[in-house]
PDB file of N, CA and C in Angstrom:
ATOM      1  N   MET A   1     -12.817 -10.390  17.719  1.00  0.00           N
ATOM      2  CA  MET A   1     -13.968 -11.054  16.748  1.00  0.00           C
ATOM      3  C   MET A   1     -13.982 -11.904  16.461  1.00  0.00           C
ATOM      4  N   ASN A   2     -14.706 -13.196  16.381  1.00  0.00           N
ATOM      5  CA  ASN A   2     -14.627 -14.447  16.217  1.00  0.00           C
ATOM      6  C   ASN A   2     -15.180 -14.628  14.848  1.00  0.00           C
ATOM      7  N   LEU A   3     -14.554 -15.453  13.811  1.00  0.00           N
ATOM      8  CA  LEU A   3     -15.458 -15.347  12.236  1.00  0.00           C
ATOM      9  C   LEU A   3     -15.180 -17.130  12.116  1.00  0.00           C
ATOM     10  N   ASP A   4     -16.305 -17.206  11.095  1.00  0.00           N
ATOM     11  CA  ASP A   4     -16.934 -18.762  11.252  1.00  0.00           C
ATOM     12  C   ASP A   4     -16.296 -19.113   9.685  1.00  0.00           C
ATOM     13  N   ARG A   5     -16.572 -20.284   9.786  1.00  0.00           N
ATOM     14  CA  ARG A   5     -15.988 -20.988   8.470  1.00  0.00           C
ATOM     15  C   ARG A   5     -16.512 -20.282   7.062  1.00  0.00           C
ATOM     16  N   SER A   6     -18.017 -20.104   7.217  1.00  0.00           N
ATOM     17  CA  SER A   6     -18.501 -19.488   6.135  1.00  0.00           C
ATOM     18  C   SER A   6     -17.661 -17.986   5.658  1.00  0.00           C
ATOM     19  N   SER A   7     -17.210 -17.366   6.767  1.00  0.00           N
ATOM     20  CA  SER A   7     -16.926 -15.759   6.783  1.00  0.00           C
ATOM     21  C   SER A   7     -15.694 -15.912   6.004  1.00  0.00           C
ATOM     22  N   VAL A   8     -14.988 -16.961   6.463  1.00  0.00           N
ATOM     23  CA  VAL A   8     -13.392 -16.859   5.846  1.00  0.00           C
ATOM     24  C   VAL A   8     -13.546 -17.349   4.211  1.00  0.00           C
ATOM     25  N   GLU A   9     -14.608 -18.293   3.669  1.00  0.00           N
ATOM     26  CA  GLU A   9     -14.364 -18.541   2.439  1.00  0.00           C
ATOM     27  C   GLU A   9     -15.085 -17.823   1.967  1.00  0.00           C
ATOM     28  N   ARG A  10     -16.184 -16.720   2.356  1.00  0.00           N
ATOM     29  CA  ARG A  10     -16.408 -15.390   1.557  1.00  0.00           C
ATOM     30  C   ARG A  10     -15.384 -14.346   0.980  1.00  0.00           C
ATOM     31  N   ILE A  11     -14.732 -14.225   2.081  1.00  0.00           N
ATOM     32  CA  ILE A  11     -13.624 -13.399   2.525  1.00  0.00           C
ATOM     33  C   ILE A  11     -12.319 -14.320   1.348  1.00  0.00           C
ATOM     34  N   ALA A  12     -11.581 -15.542   0.832  1.00  0.00           N
ATOM     35  CA  ALA A  12     -11.340 -16.199   0.219  1.00  0.00           C
ATOM     36  C   ALA A  12     -11.988 -15.731  -1.301  1.00  0.00           C
ATOM     37  N   HIS A  13     -13.134 -15.709  -1.269  1.00  0.00           N
ATOM     38  CA  HIS A  13     -13.537 -15.701  -2.925  1.00  0.00           C
ATOM     39  C   HIS A  13     -13.678 -14.262  -3.070  1.00  0.00           C
ATOM     40  N   LEU A  14     -13.723 -13.248  -2.269  1.00  0.00           N
ATOM     41  CA  LEU A  14     -13.775 -12.128  -2.349  1.00  0.00           C
ATOM     42  C   LEU A  14     -12.169 -11.694  -2.836  1.00  0.00           C
ATOM     43  N   ALA A  15     -11.132 -12.388  -2.176  1.00  0.00           N
ATOM     44  CA  ALA A  15      -9.955 -11.711  -2.535  1.00  0.00           C
ATOM     45  C   ALA A  15      -9.366 -13.053  -3.658  1.00  0.00           C
ATOM     46  N   ARG A  16     -10.477 -13.696  -4.027  1.00  0.00           N
ATOM     47  CA  ARG A  16      -9.845 -14.712  -5.531  1.00  0.00           C
ATOM     48  C   ARG A  16      -8.734 -16.078  -5.156  1.00  0.00           C
ATOM     49  N   LEU A  17      -9.168 -16.025  -3.850  1.00  0.00           N
ATOM     50  CA  LEU A  17      -8.202 -17.242  -3.382  1.00  0.00           C
ATOM     51  C   LEU A  17      -8.711 -18.233  -3.150  1.00  0.00           C
ATOM     52  N   ALA A  18      -7.876 -19.178  -3.329  1.00  0.00           N
ATOM     53  CA  ALA A  18      -8.202 -20.217  -3.461  1.00  0.00           C
ATOM     54  C   ALA A  18      -7.893 -21.065  -2.172  1.00  0.00           C
ATOM     55  N   LEU A  19      -8.341 -21.908  -1.478  1.00  0.00           N
ATOM     56  CA  LEU A  19      -8.194 -22.225  -0.177  1.00  0.00           C
ATOM     57  C   LEU A  19      -8.174 -23.951  -0.249  1.00  0.00           C
ATOM     58  N   ALA A  20      -7.630 -24.467   0.767  1.00  0.00           N
ATOM     59  CA  ALA A  20      -7.939 -25.784   0.645  1.00  0.00           C
ATOM     60  C   ALA A  20      -8.462 -26.366   1.577  1.00  0.00           C
ATOM     61  N   GLU A  21      -9.470 -27.396   1.379  1.00  0.00           N
ATOM     62  CA  GLU A  21     -10.594 -27.690   2.677  1.00  0.00           C
ATOM     63  C   GLU A  21      -9.349 -27.867   3.751  1.00  0.00           C
ATOM     64  N   GLU A  22      -8.555 -28.546   3.978  1.00  0.00           N
ATOM     65  CA  GLU A  22      -7.755 -28.776   5.306  1.00  0.00           C
ATOM     66  C   GLU A  22      -7.289 -27.707   5.857  1.00  0.00           C
ATOM     67  N   ASP A  23      -7.025 -26.134   4.897  1.00  0.00           N
ATOM     68  CA  ASP A  23      -6.600 -25.230   5.575  1.00  0.00           C
ATOM     69  C   ASP A  23      -7.526 -24.052   6.060  1.00  0.00           C
ATOM     70  N   VAL A  24      -8.884 -24.385   5.889  1.00  0.00           N
ATOM     71  CA  VAL A  24      -9.896 -23.477   6.641  1.00  0.00           C
ATOM     72  C   VAL A  24      -9.885 -23.451   7.531  1.00  0.00           C
ATOM     73  N   PRO A  25      -9.910 -24.283   8.447  1.00  0.00           N
ATOM     74  CA  PRO A  25      -9.753 -24.008  10.161  1.00  0.00           C
ATOM     75  C   PRO A  25      -8.752 -23.286  10.712  1.00  0.00           C
ATOM     76  N   ARG A  26      -7.299 -23.199   9.997  1.00  0.00           N
ATOM     77  CA  ARG A  26      -6.235 -22.678  10.556  1.00  0.00           C
ATOM     78  C   ARG A  26      -6.369 -20.900  10.150  1.00  0.00           C
ATOM     79  N   TYR A  27      -6.874 -20.827   8.840  1.00  0.00           N
ATOM     80  CA  TYR A  27      -7.429 -19.364   8.719  1.00  0.00           C
ATOM     81  C   TYR A  27      -8.298 -19.086   9.218  1.00  0.00           C
ATOM     82  N   VAL A  28      -9.089 -19.621   9.743  1.00  0.00           N
ATOM     83  CA  VAL A  28     -10.535 -19.665  10.809  1.00  0.00           C
ATOM     84  C   VAL A  28      -9.854 -18.913  12.091  1.00  0.00           C
ATOM     85  N   ARG A  29      -8.888 -19.888  12.392  1.00  0.00           N
ATOM     86  CA  ARG A  29      -8.146 -19.384  13.781  1.00  0.00           C
ATOM     87  C   ARG A  29      -7.260 -18.001  13.962  1.00  0.00           C
ATOM     88  N   ASP A  30      -6.279 -18.149  12.298  1.00  0.00           N
ATOM     89  CA  ASP A  30      -5.349 -17.164  12.184  1.00  0.00           C
ATOM     90  C   ASP A  30      -5.902 -15.427  12.338  1.00  0.00           C
ATOM     91  N   LEU A  31      -7.028 -15.782  11.570  1.00  0.00           N
ATOM     92  CA  LEU A  31      -7.992 -14.306  10.922  1.00  0.00           C
ATOM     93  C   LEU A  31      -8.761 -13.928  12.018  1.00  0.00           C
ATOM     94  N   SER A  32      -9.293 -14.612  12.746  1.00  0.00           N
ATOM     95  CA  SER A  32      -9.725 -14.059  13.941  1.00  0.00           C
ATOM     96  C   SER A  32      -8.578 -13.594  15.244  1.00  0.00           C
ATOM     97  N   ARG A  33      -7.693 -14.028  15.004  1.00  0.00           N
ATOM     98  CA  ARG A  33      -6.853 -14.010  16.252  1.00  0.00           C
ATOM     99  C   ARG A  33      -6.216 -12.235  16.005  1.00  0.00           C
ATOM    100  N   ILE A  34      -5.777 -12.428  14.368  1.00  0.00           N
ATOM    101  CA  ILE A  34      -5.641 -10.956  13.681  1.00  0.00           C
ATOM    102  C   ILE A  34      -6.591 -10.236  13.966  1.00  0.00           C
ATOM    103  N   LEU A  35      -7.562  -9.683  13.614  1.00  0.00           N
ATOM    104  CA  LEU A  35      -8.582  -9.247  14.145  1.00  0.00           C
ATOM    105  C   LEU A  35      -9.151  -8.951  15.324  1.00  0.00           C
ATOM    106  N   ASP A  36      -8.815  -9.782  16.286  1.00  0.00           N
ATOM    107  CA  ASP A  36      -8.611  -9.435  18.080  1.00  0.00           C
ATOM    108  C   ASP A  36      -7.637  -8.508  17.954  1.00  0.00           C
ATOM    109  N   LEU A  37      -6.689  -8.547  17.459  1.00  0.00           N
ATOM    110  CA  LEU A  37      -5.277  -7.707  17.672  1.00  0.00           C
ATOM    111  C   LEU A  37      -5.833  -6.578  17.263  1.00  0.00           C
ATOM    112  N   VAL A  38      -6.497  -6.733  16.352  1.00  0.00           N
ATOM    113  CA  VAL A  38      -6.334  -5.059  15.775  1.00  0.00           C
ATOM    114  C   VAL A  38      -7.711  -4.340  16.574  1.00  0.00           C
ATOM    115  N   GLU A  39      -8.505  -5.208  17.259  1.00  0.00           N
ATOM    116  CA  GLU A  39      -9.342  -4.699  17.853  1.00  0.00           C
ATOM    117  C   GLU A  39      -9.246  -4.510  19.020  1.00  0.00           C
ATOM    118  N   ARG A  40      -7.985  -5.000  19.664  1.00  0.00           N
ATOM    119  CA  ARG A  40      -7.764  -4.237  21.115  1.00  0.00           C
ATOM    120  C   ARG A  40      -6.648  -2.944  20.280  1.00  0.00           C
ATOM    121  N   MET A  41      -6.120  -2.760  19.716  1.00  0.00           N
ATOM    122  CA  MET A  41      -5.329  -2.141  19.240  1.00  0.00           C
ATOM    123  C   MET A  41      -5.724  -0.800  18.990  1.00  0.00           C
ATOM    124  N   GLY A  42      -7.335  -0.648  18.676  1.00  0.00           N
ATOM    125  CA  GLY A  42      -8.396   0.428  18.272  1.00  0.00           C
ATOM    126  C   GLY A  42      -9.101   0.783  19.478  1.00  0.00           C
ATOM    127  N   ALA A  43      -8.663  -0.323  20.424  1.00  0.00           N
ATOM    128  CA  ALA A  43      -9.287   0.586  22.129  1.00  0.00           C
ATOM    129  C   ALA A  43      -8.145   1.109  23.026  1.00  0.00           C
ATOM    130  N   VAL A  44      -7.434   0.905  22.686  1.00  0.00           N
ATOM    131  CA  VAL A  44      -5.695   1.625  23.303  1.00  0.00           C
ATOM    132  C   VAL A  44      -6.412   3.474  23.458  1.00  0.00           C
ATOM    133  N   ASP A  45      -6.049   4.353  24.431  1.00  0.00           N
ATOM    134  CA  ASP A  45      -6.400   5.451  24.463  1.00  0.00           C
ATOM    135  C   ASP A  45      -5.113   6.535  23.691  1.00  0.00           C
ATOM    136  N   THR A  46      -5.021   7.018  22.505  1.00  0.00           N
ATOM    137  CA  THR A  46      -3.918   7.222  21.934  1.00  0.00           C
ATOM    138  C   THR A  46      -4.313   9.320  22.340  1.00  0.00           C
ATOM    139  N   ARG A  47      -4.953   9.520  22.778  1.00  0.00           N
ATOM    140  CA  ARG A  47      -5.181  11.083  23.180  1.00  0.00           C
ATOM    141  C   ARG A  47      -3.329  11.530  23.611  1.00  0.00           C
ATOM    142  N   GLY A  48      -2.948  12.507  22.954  1.00  0.00           N
ATOM    143  CA  GLY A  48      -2.283  13.186  23.544  1.00  0.00           C
ATOM    144  C   GLY A  48      -0.628  12.219  22.944  1.00  0.00           C
ATOM    145  N   VAL A  49      -1.069  11.148  22.193  1.00  0.00           N
ATOM    146  CA  VAL A  49       0.634  10.597  21.684  1.00  0.00           C
ATOM    147  C   VAL A  49       0.693  11.564  20.782  1.00  0.00           C
ATOM    148  N   GLU A  50       1.972  11.842  20.472  1.00  0.00           N
ATOM    149  CA  GLU A  50       2.023  12.822  18.973  1.00  0.00           C
ATOM    150  C   GLU A  50       2.476  11.541  17.857  1.00  0.00           C
ATOM    151  N   PRO A  51       2.141  11.139  16.626  1.00  0.00           N
ATOM    152  CA  PRO A  51       2.321  10.643  15.944  1.00  0.00           C
ATOM    153  C   PRO A  51       3.846  10.593  15.360  1.00  0.00           C
ATOM    154  N   MET A  52       4.290   9.364  15.197  1.00  0.00           N
ATOM    155  CA  MET A  52       5.946   9.621  14.784  1.00  0.00           C
ATOM    156  C   MET A  52       6.137   9.109  13.730  1.00  0.00           C
ATOM    157  N   ALA A  53       7.130   9.328  12.641  1.00  0.00           N
ATOM    158  CA  ALA A  53       7.786   8.879  11.507  1.00  0.00           C
ATOM    159  C   ALA A  53       8.350   8.111  11.709  1.00  0.00           C
ATOM    160  N   HIS A  54       9.161   7.187  12.936  1.00  0.00           N
ATOM    161  CA  HIS A  54      10.010   6.308  13.453  1.00  0.00           C
ATOM    162  C   HIS A  54       9.923   5.994  14.534  1.00  0.00           C
ATOM    163  N   PRO A  55       9.885   4.367  14.586  1.00  0.00           N
ATOM    164  CA  PRO A  55       9.362   3.975  16.164  1.00  0.00           C
ATOM    165  C   PRO A  55      10.885   4.437  17.161  1.00  0.00           C
ATOM    166  N   LEU A  56      12.212   5.089  16.777  1.00  0.00           N
ATOM    167  CA  LEU A  56      13.168   5.256  17.288  1.00  0.00           C
ATOM    168  C   LEU A  56      13.273   6.713  17.433  1.00  0.00           C
ATOM    169  N   ASP A  57      13.898   7.644  18.332  1.00  0.00           N
ATOM    170  CA  ASP A  57      13.813   8.842  18.601  1.00  0.00           C
ATOM    171  C   ASP A  57      15.156   9.264  18.007  1.00  0.00           C
ATOM    172  N   ILE A  58      15.456   9.026  16.989  1.00  0.00           N
ATOM    173  CA  ILE A  58      16.514   9.063  15.941  1.00  0.00           C
ATOM    174  C   ILE A  58      16.542  10.318  14.851  1.00  0.00           C
ATOM    175  N   PRO A  59      17.381  10.817  14.607  1.00  0.00           N
ATOM    176  CA  PRO A  59      16.945  12.035  13.336  1.00  0.00           C
ATOM    177  C   PRO A  59      17.185  11.492  11.995  1.00  0.00           C
ATOM    178  N   GLN A  60      16.097  11.670  11.603  1.00  0.00           N
ATOM    179  CA  GLN A  60      16.183  10.846   9.677  1.00  0.00           C
ATOM    180  C   GLN A  60      17.534  11.718   9.342  1.00  0.00           C
ATOM    181  N   ARG A  61      18.355  11.227   8.240  1.00  0.00           N
ATOM    182  CA  ARG A  61      19.026  11.157   7.699  1.00  0.00           C
ATOM    183  C   ARG A  61      18.975  12.249   6.564  1.00  0.00           C
ATOM    184  N   LEU A  62      19.069  13.607   5.954  1.00  0.00           N
ATOM    185  CA  LEU A  62      18.200  14.148   4.880  1.00  0.00           C
ATOM    186  C   LEU A  62      19.491  14.484   4.185  1.00  0.00           C
ATOM    187  N   ARG A  63      19.227  14.281   2.424  1.00  0.00           N
ATOM    188  CA  ARG A  63      20.504  14.997   2.275  1.00  0.00           C
ATOM    189  C   ARG A  63      19.852  16.767   1.528  1.00  0.00           C
ATOM    190  N   PRO A  64      20.323  17.577   1.258  1.00  0.00           N
ATOM    191  CA  PRO A  64      20.995  18.575   0.841  1.00  0.00           C
ATOM    192  C   PRO A  64      19.805  18.468  -0.524  1.00  0.00           C
ATOM    193  N   ASP A  65      18.610  19.708  -0.265  1.00  0.00           N
ATOM    194  CA  ASP A  65      17.603  19.367  -1.607  1.00  0.00           C
ATOM    195  C   ASP A  65      18.322  20.349  -2.892  1.00  0.00           C
ATOM    196  N   GLU A  66      19.173  19.850  -3.164  1.00  0.00           N
ATOM    197  CA  GLU A  66      19.944  20.563  -4.990  1.00  0.00           C
ATOM    198  C   GLU A  66      19.488  19.620  -5.823  1.00  0.00           C
ATOM    199  N   VAL A  67      19.421  20.492  -6.979  1.00  0.00           N
ATOM    200  CA  VAL A  67      19.374  19.566  -8.537  1.00  0.00           C
ATOM    201  C   VAL A  67      21.119  19.171  -8.773  1.00  0.00           C
ATOM    202  N   THR A  68      20.754  17.708  -8.914  1.00  0.00           N
ATOM    203  CA  THR A  68      22.207  16.918  -8.992  1.00  0.00           C
ATOM    204  C   THR A  68      22.254  16.187 -10.064  1.00  0.00           C
ATOM    205  N   GLU A  69      20.932  16.720 -11.346  1.00  0.00           N
ATOM    206  CA  GLU A  69      21.215  16.373 -12.799  1.00  0.00           C
ATOM    207  C   GLU A  69      20.794  17.080 -14.031  1.00  0.00           C
ATOM    208  N   GLU A  70      21.418  17.364 -14.428  1.00  0.00           N
ATOM    209  CA  GLU A  70      21.207  18.623 -15.701  1.00  0.00           C
ATOM    210  C   GLU A  70      19.999  18.655 -16.700  1.00  0.00           C
ATOM    211  N   ASP A  71      19.499  19.102 -17.374  1.00  0.00           N
ATOM    212  CA  ASP A  71      17.794  19.135 -17.766  1.00  0.00           C
ATOM    213  C   ASP A  71      18.458  18.962 -19.216  1.00  0.00           C
ATOM    214  N   ARG A  72      17.626  17.330 -19.403  1.00  0.00           N
ATOM    215  CA  ARG A  72      17.617  17.040 -20.525  1.00  0.00           C
ATOM    216  C   ARG A  72      16.387  16.851 -20.881  1.00  0.00           C
ATOM    217  N   ARG A  73      15.618  17.785 -20.906  1.00  0.00           N
ATOM    218  CA  ARG A  73      14.312  17.571 -21.406  1.00  0.00           C
ATOM    219  C   ARG A  73      14.046  17.631 -23.035  1.00  0.00           C
ATOM    220  N   GLU A  74      14.679  18.827 -23.451  1.00  0.00           N
ATOM    221  CA  GLU A  74      14.332  18.785 -25.208  1.00  0.00           C
ATOM    222  C   GLU A  74      15.322  17.448 -25.751  1.00  0.00           C
ATOM    223  N   GLU A  75      16.344  16.690 -24.851  1.00  0.00           N
ATOM    224  CA  GLU A  75      16.672  15.802 -25.494  1.00  0.00           C
ATOM    225  C   GLU A  75      15.776  14.428 -25.665  1.00  0.00           C
ATOM    226  N   LEU A  76      15.263  14.464 -24.395  1.00  0.00           N
ATOM    227  CA  LEU A  76      14.365  13.163 -24.187  1.00  0.00           C
ATOM    228  C   LEU A  76      12.911  13.102 -24.962  1.00  0.00           C
ATOM    229  N   LEU A  77      12.787  14.763 -25.256  1.00  0.00           N
ATOM    230  CA  LEU A  77      11.442  14.913 -25.900  1.00  0.00           C
ATOM    231  C   LEU A  77      11.777  14.224 -27.579  1.00  0.00           C
ATOM    232  N   GLY A  78      12.867  14.785 -27.636  1.00  0.00           N
ATOM    233  CA  GLY A  78      13.526  14.413 -29.002  1.00  0.00           C
ATOM    234  C   GLY A  78      12.836  12.853 -29.321  1.00  0.00           C
ATOM    235  N   LEU A  79      13.447  12.268 -28.487  1.00  0.00           N
ATOM    236  CA  LEU A  79      13.371  11.148 -28.653  1.00  0.00           C
ATOM    237  C   LEU A  79      12.312  10.461 -28.691  1.00  0.00           C
ATOM    238  N   ALA A  80      10.824  10.814 -28.518  1.00  0.00           N
ATOM    239  CA  ALA A  80      10.035  10.971 -28.477  1.00  0.00           C
ATOM    240  C   ALA A  80       9.419  10.717 -29.728  1.00  0.00           C
ATOM    241  N   PRO A  81       8.100   9.413 -30.314  1.00  0.00           N
ATOM    242  CA  PRO A  81       7.232   9.305 -31.334  1.00  0.00           C
ATOM    243  C   PRO A  81       7.055  10.803 -31.822  1.00  0.00           C
ATOM    244  N   GLN A  82       6.021  11.593 -30.589  1.00  0.00           N
ATOM    245  CA  GLN A  82       5.518  13.039 -30.650  1.00  0.00           C
ATOM    246  C   GLN A  82       5.592  13.414 -29.292  1.00  0.00           C
ATOM    247  N   ALA A  83       6.147  14.468 -29.515  1.00  0.00           N
ATOM    248  CA  ALA A  83       5.468  15.552 -28.781  1.00  0.00           C
ATOM    249  C   ALA A  83       5.366  16.921 -28.703  1.00  0.00           C
ATOM    250  N   GLU A  84       4.720  18.151 -28.234  1.00  0.00           N
ATOM    251  CA  GLU A  84       3.950  19.163 -28.038  1.00  0.00           C
ATOM    252  C   GLU A  84       4.515  19.660 -27.484  1.00  0.00           C
ATOM    253  N   ALA A  85       4.862  21.366 -27.159  1.00  0.00           N
ATOM    254  CA  ALA A  85       4.334  21.859 -26.354  1.00  0.00           C
ATOM    255  C   ALA A  85       5.500  21.953 -24.892  1.00  0.00           C
ATOM    256  N   GLY A  86       6.321  20.848 -25.249  1.00  0.00           N
ATOM    257  CA  GLY A  86       7.457  20.360 -23.791  1.00  0.00           C
ATOM    258  C   GLY A  86       6.679  19.039 -23.028  1.00  0.00           C
ATOM    259  N   HIS A  87       5.478  18.480 -23.802  1.00  0.00           N
ATOM    260  CA  HIS A  87       4.953  17.279 -23.426  1.00  0.00           C
ATOM    261  C   HIS A  87       5.008  16.031 -24.008  1.00  0.00           C
ATOM    262  N   PHE A  88       4.700  14.868 -23.802  1.00  0.00           N
ATOM    263  CA  PHE A  88       4.706  12.992 -24.724  1.00  0.00           C
ATOM    264  C   PHE A  88       3.676  13.486 -25.157  1.00  0.00           C
ATOM    265  N   LEU A  89       2.903  13.099 -26.523  1.00  0.00           N
ATOM    266  CA  LEU A  89       2.057  13.032 -26.828  1.00  0.00           C
ATOM    267  C   LEU A  89       1.608  11.359 -26.792  1.00  0.00           C
ATOM    268  N   VAL A  90       0.576  10.919 -26.050  1.00  0.00           N
ATOM    269  CA  VAL A  90       0.586   9.851 -26.466  1.00  0.00           C
ATOM    270  C   VAL A  90      -1.195   8.808 -27.066  1.00  0.00           C
ATOM    271  N   PRO A  91      -1.412   7.763 -27.631  1.00  0.00           N
ATOM    272  CA  PRO A  91      -2.672   7.789 -28.240  1.00  0.00           C
ATOM    273  C   PRO A  91      -3.458   7.471 -26.812  1.00  0.00           C
ATOM    274  N   LYS A  92      -5.036   8.003 -27.530  1.00  0.00           N
ATOM    275  CA  LYS A  92      -5.838   8.039 -26.239  1.00  0.00           C
ATOM    276  C   LYS A  92      -6.675   6.995 -25.838  1.00  0.00           C
ATOM    277  N   VAL A  93      -6.695   6.711 -24.350  1.00  0.00           N
ATOM    278  CA  VAL A  93      -6.972   5.605 -24.388  1.00  0.00           C
ATOM    279  C   VAL A  93      -8.295   4.884 -23.610  1.00  0.00           C
ATOM    280  N   ILE A  94      -9.034   6.515 -23.177  1.00  0.00           N
ATOM    281  CA  ILE A  94      -9.862   6.355 -22.656  1.00  0.00           C
ATOM    282  C   ILE A  94     -10.924   6.722 -23.503  1.00  0.00           C
ATOM    283  N   ASP A  95     -12.276   6.525 -23.728  1.00  0.00           N
ATOM    284  CA  ASP A  95     -13.284   7.334 -24.511  1.00  0.00           C
ATOM    285  C   ASP A  95     -13.923   8.744 -23.368  1.00  0.00           C
TER     286      ASP A  95
END
């Protein structure tokens, strides 16, 4: 996908980025290359390929799912300016 100068300037405007005039041609070239790569990757047939959590076939190190901290709920709620029914009360911010 080839971008032109006006497209890059529009993208920069939408992203609220200020581009130096001399940098625009480089952004046109680099962004076009990135979009070409994404397009080529999207064209690859991935049917039958299982999603992976990690690029290497190694087991994940998992810790046991155990409670390791004591319950301090009442202590922490006691520090709050306002609490009710086990919840912190905060000022309403949305009408």
